[in-house]
C-alpha atoms as a PDB file:
ATOM      1  CA  MET A   1      62.988 149.128 120.963  1.00  0.00           C
ATOM      2  CA  ARG A   2      65.248 149.001 123.635  1.00  0.00           C
ATOM      3  CA  ALA A   3      64.541 145.436 124.733  1.00  0.00           C
ATOM      4  CA  ILE A   4      65.417 144.553 120.741  1.00  0.00           C
ATOM      5  CA  HIS A   5      68.028 146.402 121.167  1.00  0.00           C
ATOM      6  CA  ALA A   6      69.451 144.953 124.207  1.00  0.00           C
ATOM      7  CA  VAL A   7      68.945 141.176 123.899  1.00  0.00           C
ATOM      8  CA  GLY A   8      71.013 142.044 119.670  1.00  0.00           C
ATOM      9  CA  SER A   9      73.734 143.087 122.027  1.00  0.00           C
ATOM     10  CA  GLY A  10      73.505 139.575 123.654  1.00  0.00           C
ATOM     11  CA  GLU A  11      71.829 141.155 127.242  1.00  0.00           C
ATOM     12  CA  ALA A  12      68.782 139.648 128.346  1.00  0.00           C
ATOM     13  CA  ILE A  13      65.022 139.807 129.573  1.00  0.00           C
ATOM     14  CA  PHE A  14      63.283 138.743 132.223  1.00  0.00           C
ATOM     15  CA  GLY A  15      59.938 139.485 133.118  1.00  0.00           C
ATOM     16  CA  PRO A  16      59.223 140.524 136.755  1.00  0.00           C
ATOM     17  CA  ALA A  17      57.869 137.412 137.926  1.00  0.00           C
ATOM     18  CA  VAL A  18      61.494 135.806 136.637  1.00  0.00           C
ATOM     19  CA  ALA A  19      63.749 138.211 137.405  1.00  0.00           C
ATOM     20  CA  ARG A  20      62.604 137.775 141.197  1.00  0.00           C
ATOM     21  CA  ARG A  21      63.063 134.270 140.693  1.00  0.00           C
ATOM     22  CA  VAL A  22      66.410 134.198 139.829  1.00  0.00           C
ATOM     23  CA  LEU A  23      67.138 136.829 141.859  1.00  0.00           C
ATOM     24  CA  ASP A  24      66.303 134.345 144.675  1.00  0.00           C
ATOM     25  CA  LEU A  25      67.754 132.068 142.998  1.00  0.00           C
ATOM     26  CA  PHE A  26      71.137 133.531 143.669  1.00  0.00           C
ATOM     27  CA  SER A  27      70.339 134.626 146.770  1.00  0.00           C
ATOM     28  CA  GLY A  28      70.223 131.545 148.323  1.00  0.00           C
ATOM     29  CA  ARG A  29      66.083 132.852 149.145  1.00  0.00           C
ATOM     30  CA  SER A  30      64.145 129.603 147.931  1.00  0.00           C
ATOM     31  CA  ALA A  31      62.038 129.833 145.580  1.00  0.00           C
ATOM     32  CA  PRO A  32      57.645 128.577 146.774  1.00  0.00           C
ATOM     33  CA  THR A  33      57.537 124.868 145.997  1.00  0.00           C
ATOM     34  CA  THR A  34      54.918 123.689 144.355  1.00  0.00           C
ATOM     35  CA  VAL A  35      52.477 120.666 144.269  1.00  0.00           C
ATOM     36  CA  PRO A  36      52.365 118.506 141.960  1.00  0.00           C
ATOM     37  CA  PHE A  37      48.695 117.767 140.383  1.00  0.00           C
ATOM     38  CA  PRO A  38      46.745 120.499 142.160  1.00  0.00           C
ATOM     39  CA  GLN A  39      43.309 120.262 141.107  1.00  0.00           C
ATOM     40  CA  LEU A  40      44.403 116.597 143.780  1.00  0.00           C
ATOM     41  CA  THR A  41      43.317 116.856 147.249  1.00  0.00           C
ATOM     42  CA  ALA A  42      45.818 115.562 149.661  1.00  0.00           C
ATOM     43  CA  ARG A  43      44.870 111.979 149.821  1.00  0.00           C
ATOM     44  CA  GLU A  44      45.035 111.473 146.024  1.00  0.00           C
ATOM     45  CA  ARG A  45      48.427 112.472 145.778  1.00  0.00           C
ATOM     46  CA  GLU A  46      49.763 109.747 147.947  1.00  0.00           C
ATOM     47  CA  VAL A  47      47.394 107.842 146.374  1.00  0.00           C
ATOM     48  CA  LEU A  48      48.522 108.629 143.091  1.00  0.00           C
ATOM     49  CA  ASP A  49      51.781 107.862 145.136  1.00  0.00           C
ATOM     50  CA  LEU A  50      51.568 104.945 145.450  1.00  0.00           C
ATOM     51  CA  VAL A  51      49.792 103.741 141.920  1.00  0.00           C
ATOM     52  CA  ALA A  52      53.595 105.034 141.056  1.00  0.00           C
ATOM     53  CA  ARG A  53      55.569 103.115 142.961  1.00  0.00           C
ATOM     54  CA  ALA A  54      54.126 100.164 141.334  1.00  0.00           C
ATOM     55  CA  GLY A  55      51.759  97.505 143.999  1.00  0.00           C
ATOM     56  CA  SER A  56      47.283  96.587 144.162  1.00  0.00           C
ATOM     57  CA  ASN A  57      44.566  98.520 145.661  1.00  0.00           C
ATOM     58  CA  GLY A  58      44.678  96.143 148.377  1.00  0.00           C
ATOM     59  CA  ASP A  59      48.358  97.105 149.030  1.00  0.00           C
ATOM     60  CA  PHE A  60      47.221 100.513 148.821  1.00  0.00           C
ATOM     61  CA  ALA A  61      44.144 100.202 150.867  1.00  0.00           C
ATOM     62  CA  ARG A  62      46.211  98.481 154.034  1.00  0.00           C
ATOM     63  CA  GLN A  63      49.218 101.227 154.463  1.00  0.00           C
ATOM     64  CA  LEU A  64      46.527 104.159 154.170  1.00  0.00           C
ATOM     65  CA  HIS A  65      43.613 102.391 156.749  1.00  0.00           C
ATOM     66  CA  LEU A  66      41.141 102.591 153.766  1.00  0.00           C
ATOM     67  CA  SER A  67      38.486 100.482 151.671  1.00  0.00           C
ATOM     68  CA  ASP A  68      39.391  98.711 149.020  1.00  0.00           C
ATOM     69  CA  LYS A  69      36.917 100.834 147.551  1.00  0.00           C
ATOM     70  CA  THR A  70      37.440 104.198 148.493  1.00  0.00           C
ATOM     71  CA  VAL A  71      40.744 103.136 147.292  1.00  0.00           C
ATOM     72  CA  ARG A  72      39.262 102.773 143.582  1.00  0.00           C
ATOM     73  CA  ASN A  73      37.620 105.311 144.566  1.00  0.00           C
ATOM     74  CA  HIS A  74      40.258 107.614 144.490  1.00  0.00           C
ATOM     75  CA  ILE A  75      42.059 106.150 141.264  1.00  0.00           C
ATOM     76  CA  SER A  76      39.148 106.538 139.296  1.00  0.00           C
ATOM     77  CA  ASN A  77      39.309 110.904 140.208  1.00  0.00           C
ATOM     78  CA  ILE A  78      42.713 111.053 139.346  1.00  0.00           C
ATOM     79  CA  LEU A  79      42.154 109.398 136.714  1.00  0.00           C
ATOM     80  CA  SER A  80      39.248 111.754 135.991  1.00  0.00           C
ATOM     81  CA  LYS A  81      41.027 115.315 137.251  1.00  0.00           C
ATOM     82  CA  LEU A  82      44.410 114.140 135.514  1.00  0.00           C
ATOM     83  CA  GLN A  83      42.112 113.169 131.913  1.00  0.00           C
ATOM     84  CA  VAL A  84      44.141 110.348 131.157  1.00  0.00           C
ATOM     85  CA  ALA A  85      42.926 106.915 129.732  1.00  0.00           C
ATOM     86  CA  ASP A  86      44.251 104.416 132.267  1.00  0.00           C
ATOM     87  CA  ARG A  87      45.764 103.928 135.107  1.00  0.00           C
ATOM     88  CA  ALA A  88      49.381 103.258 132.756  1.00  0.00           C
ATOM     89  CA  HIS A  89      48.899 106.696 131.521  1.00  0.00           C
ATOM     90  CA  ALA A  90      48.617 108.340 135.367  1.00  0.00           C
ATOM     91  CA  ILE A  91      51.669 106.158 136.656  1.00  0.00           C
ATOM     92  CA  VAL A  92      54.041 108.345 133.394  1.00  0.00           C
ATOM     93  CA  ARG A  93      53.021 111.474 134.495  1.00  0.00           C
ATOM     94  CA  ALA A  94      52.830 110.856 137.868  1.00  0.00           C
ATOM     95  CA  ARG A  95      56.587 109.697 137.734  1.00  0.00           C
ATOM     96  CA  GLU A  96      58.129 112.200 135.550  1.00  0.00           C
ATOM     97  CA  ALA A  97      56.413 115.084 138.070  1.00  0.00           C
ATOM     98  CA  GLY A  98      58.481 112.844 140.463  1.00  0.00           C
ATOM     99  CA  LEU A  99      56.346 110.747 142.576  1.00  0.00           C
ATOM    100  CA  GLY A 100      56.810 107.217 142.729  1.00  0.00           C
ATOM    101  CA  ARG A 101      60.536 107.588 144.194  1.00  0.00           C
ATOM    102  CA  ALA A 102      61.327 105.244 147.475  1.00  0.00           C
ATOM    103  CA  PRO A 103      61.720 106.541 149.803  1.00  0.00           C
ATOM    104  CA  ALA A 104      65.468 106.050 151.259  1.00  0.00           C
ATOM    105  CA  ALA A 105      65.766 102.470 152.782  1.00  0.00           C
ATOM    106  CA  LYS A 106      67.983 101.931 156.140  1.00  0.00           C
ATOM    107  CA  ALA A 107      69.781 100.434 156.979  1.00  0.00           C
ATOM    108  CA  PRO A 108      69.072  97.182 159.566  1.00  0.00           C
ATOM    109  CA  THR A 109      70.357  97.721 162.922  1.00  0.00           C
ATOM    110  CA  THR A 110      71.002  94.878 165.856  1.00  0.00           C
ATOM    111  CA  PRO A 111      69.120  95.892 169.451  1.00  0.00           C
ATOM    112  CA  PRO A 112      71.519  98.393 170.971  1.00  0.00           C
ATOM    113  CA  HIS A 113      74.507  96.493 172.827  1.00  0.00           C
ATOM    114  CA  GLU A 114      76.882  97.309 175.841  1.00  0.00           C
ATOM    115  CA  GLY A 115      76.955 100.681 176.227  1.00  0.00           C
ATOM    116  CA  GLY A 116      73.370 101.313 173.751  1.00  0.00           C
ATOM    117  CA  VAL A 117      74.714 101.686 171.188  1.00  0.00           C
ATOM    118  CA  PRO A 118      72.841  99.877 168.176  1.00  0.00           C
ATOM    119  CA  GLY A 119      75.216  97.600 166.171  1.00  0.00           C
ATOM    120  CA  PRO A 120      75.501  97.293 162.343  1.00  0.00           C
ATOM    121  CA  ALA A 121      72.375  93.996 161.658  1.00  0.00           C
ATOM    122  CA  ARG A 122      74.542  90.992 161.177  1.00  0.00           C
ATOM    123  CA  VAL A 123      73.166  88.324 158.332  1.00  0.00           C
ATOM    124  CA  GLN A 124      73.447  84.500 159.269  1.00  0.00           C
ATOM    125  CA  THR A 125      73.881  82.321 156.375  1.00  0.00           C
ATOM    126  CA  PRO A 126      73.726  78.932 156.177  1.00  0.00           C
ATOM    127  CA  LEU A 127      76.611  76.087 156.937  1.00  0.00           C
ATOM    128  CA  ARG A 128      77.683  74.362 154.398  1.00  0.00           C
ATOM    129  CA  HIS A 129      78.207  70.540 154.418  1.00  0.00           C
ATOM    130  CA  PRO A 130      80.434  68.705 152.197  1.00  0.00           C
END
């Protein structure tokens, strides 16, 4: 009855787990991070992340130093564990979970010059003759 009266008067009622997370959030403590798709192995998550970025199995195999067959096996296991029919559905699920985002690209630099500090990359444009 107390909860009904409290909610009726504009108060919020939380269970202990939610209350702890709210307190952690406002106190500056970070809540434990959850790993997307805990049913996948770390390697399967890595493969799924690459699949969500787009590319071929051969590209993934070269990047991960695996055989094409091993990558195909990982993808087959991923589809089974995520209970999706095909690669496209796996990509949708992965992107919704935050996978498939390319790491931030670094600005290219030239080798260090005098003083040992790298300078900005220089782009050479071809000369055009009229």
